[in-house]
Amino acid sequence: MQSNWSQSAAETEGLTVEQAIANLQSPDLSLRYYAAWWLGKFRVNMPAAVEALIVALEDEADRTELGGYPLRRNAARALGKLGDTQAVPGLIRCLACEDYYVREAAAQSLGMLDAPAAILPLMELLTGGVEEAVPVPGRPHLTQPYDSVIEALGALQAKQAISLIQPFLEHPQAKVQYAATRAMYQLTQEDSYGQSLVKALEGNDLQLRRTALSDLGAIGYLPAREAIARCAVENSFKLLALKGLLEHQAKLHEAPTQDTIQVMTLMDSLL
């Protein structure tokens, strides 16, 4: 059940929870699309919402000229935010969808859920390795959402996937390299992978610096705290990464440590 605060905030956006759930069955496809996004944004973790979003993963009505499934994409993203493992079977089926962006959203959401059943289906998307991880002609993406798949496997502690992930450290796209580096750190705890992401904070591309910050926050790499604070990006991105470090430390220690106090001090300096 969502908090009173989030329900109140949600209803100020022009919908009630009940209306949003009902709109997922509306004949108006735009209302269905918006409702799926809305339920995820406000994390409406109610049984009726989860069930309606799972049904939306099989939607056939909302389809683009290029064959995409916009409603499925939004539903898959929302289900990851809601955190209900009932969605896992449906999200696993989405990994076989012909829509790249549905596969991407499903992989991301499975990485957010405690879904060991997703490990093998996710590994299957890495079949063919780096040689097949090439751009699709006429499309702005690779054959699979490799970065999202690899990040999900790292989050799920899929140690059996290490041999599949490691070659992607040499992928031509930096974003995929970073995803592989992030996952390898999560799966091996080898410091060299964390340090590689720290080095990436010095790169020339702003978007890639933001990506590296996100990766460091996701893995909770504490030695990166000062490099994060001085990275040449907006303070909002630095704060999110430092917040990730704090959350990771909170899982390890019941009381604040000297390290966590240092992270909080750095966060204060950025506000």
Protein backbone atom coordinates (compact mmCIF):
# COMPACT_ATOMS: atom_id res chain seq x y z
CA MET A 1 0.00 0.00 0.00
CA GLN A 2 1.36 3.39 -0.91
CA SER A 3 1.96 6.05 1.71
CA ASN A 4 -0.61 8.75 2.43
CA TRP A 5 1.93 11.32 1.22
CA SER A 6 2.41 9.70 -2.18
CA GLN A 7 -1.31 9.15 -2.67
CA SER A 8 -1.97 12.80 -1.81
CA ALA A 9 0.81 13.93 -4.15
CA ALA A 10 -0.49 11.69 -6.90
CA GLU A 11 -4.01 13.01 -6.67
CA THR A 12 -2.76 16.57 -7.10
CA GLU A 13 -1.65 15.51 -10.59
CA GLY A 14 -5.27 15.39 -11.78
CA LEU A 15 -6.00 11.70 -11.19
CA THR A 16 -7.04 9.51 -8.32
CA VAL A 17 -5.50 6.09 -7.87
CA GLU A 18 -8.83 4.49 -8.76
CA GLN A 19 -9.11 6.53 -11.96
CA ALA A 20 -5.57 5.65 -13.03
CA ILE A 21 -6.21 1.93 -12.54
CA ALA A 22 -9.51 2.20 -14.42
CA ASN A 23 -7.81 4.12 -17.25
CA LEU A 24 -5.55 1.12 -17.93
CA GLN A 25 -8.69 -0.50 -19.39
CA SER A 26 -9.83 2.60 -21.28
CA PRO A 27 -10.50 2.43 -25.04
CA ASP A 28 -8.46 5.65 -25.25
CA LEU A 29 -4.89 4.43 -25.77
CA SER A 30 -3.38 7.74 -24.65
CA LEU A 31 -5.16 7.43 -21.28
CA ARG A 32 -3.84 3.89 -20.87
CA TYR A 33 -0.29 4.97 -21.69
CA TYR A 34 -0.41 7.89 -19.23
CA ALA A 35 -1.98 5.75 -16.49
CA ALA A 36 0.85 3.21 -16.62
CA TRP A 37 3.44 5.99 -16.38
CA TRP A 38 1.50 7.68 -13.55
CA LEU A 39 1.17 4.52 -11.43
CA GLY A 40 4.91 3.99 -11.69
CA LYS A 41 5.81 7.60 -10.98
CA PHE A 42 3.82 7.63 -7.76
CA ARG A 43 4.69 4.01 -6.87
CA VAL A 44 1.09 2.97 -6.39
CA ASN A 45 1.85 -0.45 -4.93
CA MET A 46 -1.72 -1.71 -4.66
CA PRO A 47 -2.84 -5.19 -5.78
CA ALA A 48 -5.27 -3.79 -8.33
CA ALA A 49 -2.57 -1.56 -9.84
CA VAL A 50 -0.01 -4.37 -10.03
CA GLU A 51 -2.52 -6.75 -11.60
CA ALA A 52 -3.61 -4.18 -14.20
CA LEU A 53 -0.01 -3.38 -15.13
CA ILE A 54 0.83 -7.08 -15.50
CA VAL A 55 -2.09 -7.42 -17.90
CA ALA A 56 -0.78 -4.38 -19.81
CA LEU A 57 2.48 -6.25 -20.47
CA GLU A 58 0.54 -8.33 -23.00
CA ASP A 59 -1.19 -5.36 -24.68
CA GLU A 60 -1.61 -5.58 -28.45
CA ALA A 61 -3.65 -2.43 -29.08
CA ASP A 62 -1.09 0.32 -28.46
CA ARG A 63 1.41 -0.20 -31.27
CA THR A 64 3.55 2.18 -33.30
CA GLU A 65 4.09 2.13 -37.05
CA LEU A 66 7.54 0.61 -36.44
CA GLY A 67 6.08 -2.21 -34.35
CA GLY A 68 6.77 -0.85 -30.89
CA TYR A 69 4.54 -1.33 -27.85
CA PRO A 70 4.47 1.96 -25.89
CA LEU A 71 2.03 0.77 -23.22
CA ARG A 72 4.04 -2.37 -22.56
CA ARG A 73 7.15 -0.22 -22.12
CA ASN A 74 5.50 2.01 -19.52
CA ALA A 75 3.95 -0.95 -17.72
CA ALA A 76 7.30 -2.75 -17.53
CA ARG A 77 9.02 0.35 -16.13
CA ALA A 78 6.26 0.92 -13.59
CA LEU A 79 6.33 -2.65 -12.29
CA GLY A 80 10.00 -2.37 -11.42
CA LYS A 81 9.27 0.73 -9.35
CA LEU A 82 6.41 -0.96 -7.51
CA GLY A 83 8.67 -3.79 -6.35
CA ASP A 84 6.07 -6.58 -6.46
CA THR A 85 7.61 -9.90 -7.48
CA GLN A 86 4.28 -11.06 -8.93
CA ALA A 87 5.41 -9.15 -12.00
CA VAL A 88 8.51 -11.31 -12.53
CA PRO A 89 6.99 -13.97 -14.87
CA GLY A 90 5.41 -11.32 -17.08
CA LEU A 91 8.59 -9.28 -17.21
CA ILE A 92 10.61 -12.38 -18.14
CA ARG A 93 8.24 -12.97 -21.05
CA CYS A 94 8.86 -9.38 -22.12
CA LEU A 95 12.54 -10.22 -22.64
CA ALA A 96 11.42 -12.01 -25.80
CA CYS A 97 9.35 -9.11 -27.11
CA GLU A 98 10.26 -7.84 -30.57
CA ASP A 99 10.28 -4.27 -29.22
CA TYR A 100 13.81 -3.38 -28.09
CA TYR A 101 12.52 -0.83 -25.60
CA VAL A 102 10.17 -3.34 -23.96
CA ARG A 103 13.13 -5.69 -23.51
CA GLU A 104 15.18 -2.81 -22.09
CA ALA A 105 12.45 -1.79 -19.62
CA ALA A 106 11.89 -5.40 -18.57
CA ALA A 107 15.60 -5.97 -17.94
CA GLN A 108 15.83 -2.81 -15.87
CA SER A 109 12.82 -3.78 -13.78
CA LEU A 110 13.99 -7.35 -13.24
CA GLY A 111 17.24 -5.93 -11.92
CA MET A 112 15.22 -3.93 -9.38
CA LEU A 113 13.31 -6.99 -8.17
CA ASP A 114 14.53 -10.03 -6.28
CA ALA A 115 14.18 -12.20 -9.37
CA PRO A 116 16.68 -15.08 -9.51
CA ALA A 117 14.38 -16.75 -12.04
CA ALA A 118 15.32 -13.95 -14.46
CA ILE A 119 19.04 -14.73 -14.48
CA LEU A 120 19.07 -17.38 -17.21
CA PRO A 121 16.67 -15.49 -19.53
CA LEU A 122 18.81 -12.38 -19.10
CA MET A 123 21.97 -14.35 -19.85
CA GLU A 124 20.40 -15.60 -23.06
CA LEU A 125 20.29 -12.01 -24.33
CA LEU A 126 24.09 -11.95 -24.16
CA THR A 127 24.36 -14.95 -26.49
CA GLY A 128 26.81 -14.22 -29.28
CA GLY A 129 28.86 -11.91 -27.11
CA VAL A 130 30.45 -8.67 -28.24
CA GLU A 131 30.54 -9.84 -31.87
CA GLU A 132 26.75 -9.66 -32.09
CA ALA A 133 26.40 -6.53 -29.94
CA VAL A 134 26.28 -4.24 -32.94
CA PRO A 135 23.97 -1.40 -34.04
CA VAL A 136 20.71 -2.32 -35.74
CA PRO A 137 20.65 -0.76 -39.23
CA GLY A 138 18.40 2.28 -39.27
CA ARG A 139 17.82 2.22 -35.51
CA PRO A 140 19.53 4.18 -32.71
CA HIS A 141 20.34 1.11 -30.64
CA LEU A 142 22.20 -2.19 -30.56
CA THR A 143 20.71 -5.61 -31.20
CA GLN A 144 19.94 -5.99 -27.47
CA PRO A 145 19.80 -3.58 -24.51
CA TYR A 146 23.17 -4.86 -23.36
CA ASP A 147 23.83 -2.22 -20.74
CA SER A 148 20.49 -2.82 -19.02
CA VAL A 149 20.84 -6.61 -19.21
CA ILE A 150 24.37 -6.55 -17.78
CA GLU A 151 23.39 -4.14 -15.01
CA ALA A 152 20.46 -6.40 -14.08
CA LEU A 153 22.73 -9.43 -13.87
CA GLY A 154 25.07 -7.51 -11.61
CA ALA A 155 22.24 -6.42 -9.35
CA LEU A 156 20.97 -10.01 -9.18
CA GLN A 157 24.44 -11.25 -8.15
CA ALA A 158 24.54 -13.61 -11.14
CA LYS A 159 28.07 -14.90 -10.66
CA GLN A 160 27.43 -17.56 -13.28
CA ALA A 161 27.28 -14.74 -15.84
CA ILE A 162 30.81 -13.42 -15.21
CA SER A 163 32.31 -15.14 -18.24
CA LEU A 164 29.57 -13.66 -20.44
CA ILE A 165 29.88 -10.16 -19.02
CA GLN A 166 33.66 -9.81 -18.93
CA PRO A 167 34.17 -9.50 -22.73
CA PHE A 168 31.84 -6.47 -22.73
CA LEU A 169 34.52 -4.56 -20.87
CA GLU A 170 36.00 -4.11 -24.37
CA HIS A 171 32.77 -3.16 -26.16
CA PRO A 172 33.13 -0.14 -28.50
CA GLN A 173 30.39 1.79 -26.69
CA ALA A 174 31.54 3.36 -23.43
CA LYS A 175 28.10 3.03 -21.85
CA VAL A 176 28.21 -0.76 -22.33
CA GLN A 177 31.79 -0.84 -21.00
CA TYR A 178 30.65 1.02 -17.88
CA ALA A 179 27.74 -1.39 -17.37
CA ALA A 180 30.13 -4.34 -17.58
CA THR A 181 32.57 -2.65 -15.19
CA ARG A 182 29.78 -1.95 -12.73
CA ALA A 183 28.54 -5.54 -12.87
CA MET A 184 32.02 -7.02 -12.57
CA TYR A 185 32.58 -5.02 -9.40
CA GLN A 186 29.28 -6.23 -7.97
CA LEU A 187 30.08 -9.84 -8.84
CA THR A 188 33.75 -9.93 -7.83
CA GLN A 189 34.27 -6.97 -5.45
CA GLU A 190 37.61 -6.37 -7.16
CA ASP A 191 38.73 -2.81 -6.51
CA SER A 192 40.13 -2.34 -10.00
CA TYR A 193 36.61 -2.19 -11.43
CA GLY A 194 35.57 0.51 -9.00
CA GLN A 195 38.70 2.49 -9.83
CA SER A 196 37.94 2.22 -13.55
CA LEU A 197 34.61 3.95 -12.96
CA VAL A 198 36.32 6.62 -10.87
CA LYS A 199 38.70 7.29 -13.77
CA ALA A 200 35.69 7.62 -16.07
CA LEU A 201 34.62 10.67 -14.05
CA GLU A 202 37.49 12.55 -15.71
CA GLY A 203 36.26 11.91 -19.25
CA ASN A 204 35.38 14.65 -21.73
CA ASP A 205 31.77 13.59 -22.37
CA LEU A 206 29.28 15.04 -19.86
CA GLN A 207 26.69 12.32 -20.40
CA LEU A 208 29.26 9.59 -19.81
CA ARG A 209 30.43 11.31 -16.63
CA ARG A 210 26.82 11.27 -15.46
CA THR A 211 26.59 7.58 -16.32
CA ALA A 212 29.75 6.78 -14.37
CA LEU A 213 28.38 8.70 -11.38
CA SER A 214 25.19 6.66 -11.50
CA ASP A 215 27.17 3.44 -11.70
CA LEU A 216 29.34 4.35 -8.71
CA GLY A 217 26.25 5.17 -6.69
CA ALA A 218 24.61 1.91 -7.69
CA ILE A 219 27.57 -0.19 -6.53
CA GLY A 220 28.10 1.91 -3.39
CA TYR A 221 31.79 2.36 -4.10
CA LEU A 222 32.87 4.32 -1.03
CA PRO A 223 36.44 5.19 -2.17
CA ALA A 224 34.85 7.28 -4.94
CA ARG A 225 33.22 9.77 -2.57
CA GLU A 226 35.66 12.65 -3.04
CA ALA A 227 35.99 12.08 -6.80
CA ILE A 228 32.19 12.17 -7.05
CA ALA A 229 32.01 15.44 -5.12
CA ARG A 230 34.50 17.20 -7.42
CA CYS A 231 33.30 15.70 -10.72
CA ALA A 232 32.44 18.24 -13.42
CA VAL A 233 28.69 17.60 -13.51
CA GLU A 234 25.61 19.19 -11.98
CA ASN A 235 25.36 18.90 -8.20
CA SER A 236 22.08 17.03 -8.49
CA PHE A 237 23.87 14.09 -10.13
CA LYS A 238 26.62 14.16 -7.51
CA LEU A 239 24.06 14.13 -4.71
CA LEU A 240 22.27 11.13 -6.19
CA ALA A 241 25.53 9.20 -6.45
CA LEU A 242 26.54 10.07 -2.89
CA LYS A 243 23.06 9.07 -1.72
CA GLY A 244 23.72 5.68 -3.30
CA LEU A 245 26.92 5.35 -1.26
CA LEU A 246 25.01 6.16 1.93
CA GLU A 247 22.26 3.67 1.18
CA HIS A 248 24.82 0.95 0.56
CA GLN A 249 26.58 1.72 3.84
CA ALA A 250 23.27 1.72 5.70
CA LYS A 251 22.81 -1.92 4.68
CA LEU A 252 26.21 -2.78 6.13
CA HIS A 253 26.21 -0.78 9.36
CA GLU A 254 23.43 -0.05 11.84
CA ALA A 255 25.05 3.17 13.07
CA PRO A 256 26.85 5.90 11.08
CA THR A 257 30.56 5.31 10.60
CA GLN A 258 33.31 7.86 10.04
CA ASP A 259 33.09 7.09 6.32
CA THR A 260 29.36 7.75 6.15
CA ILE A 261 29.80 10.98 8.10
CA GLN A 262 32.33 12.07 5.48
CA VAL A 263 29.84 11.30 2.72
CA MET A 264 27.15 13.34 4.48
CA THR A 265 29.59 16.21 4.89
CA LEU A 266 30.31 16.14 1.17
CA MET A 267 26.57 16.14 0.45
CA ASP A 268 26.09 19.15 2.71
CA SER A 269 28.81 21.01 0.81
CA LEU A 270 26.89 20.50 -2.45
CA LEU A 271 23.57 21.83 -1.19
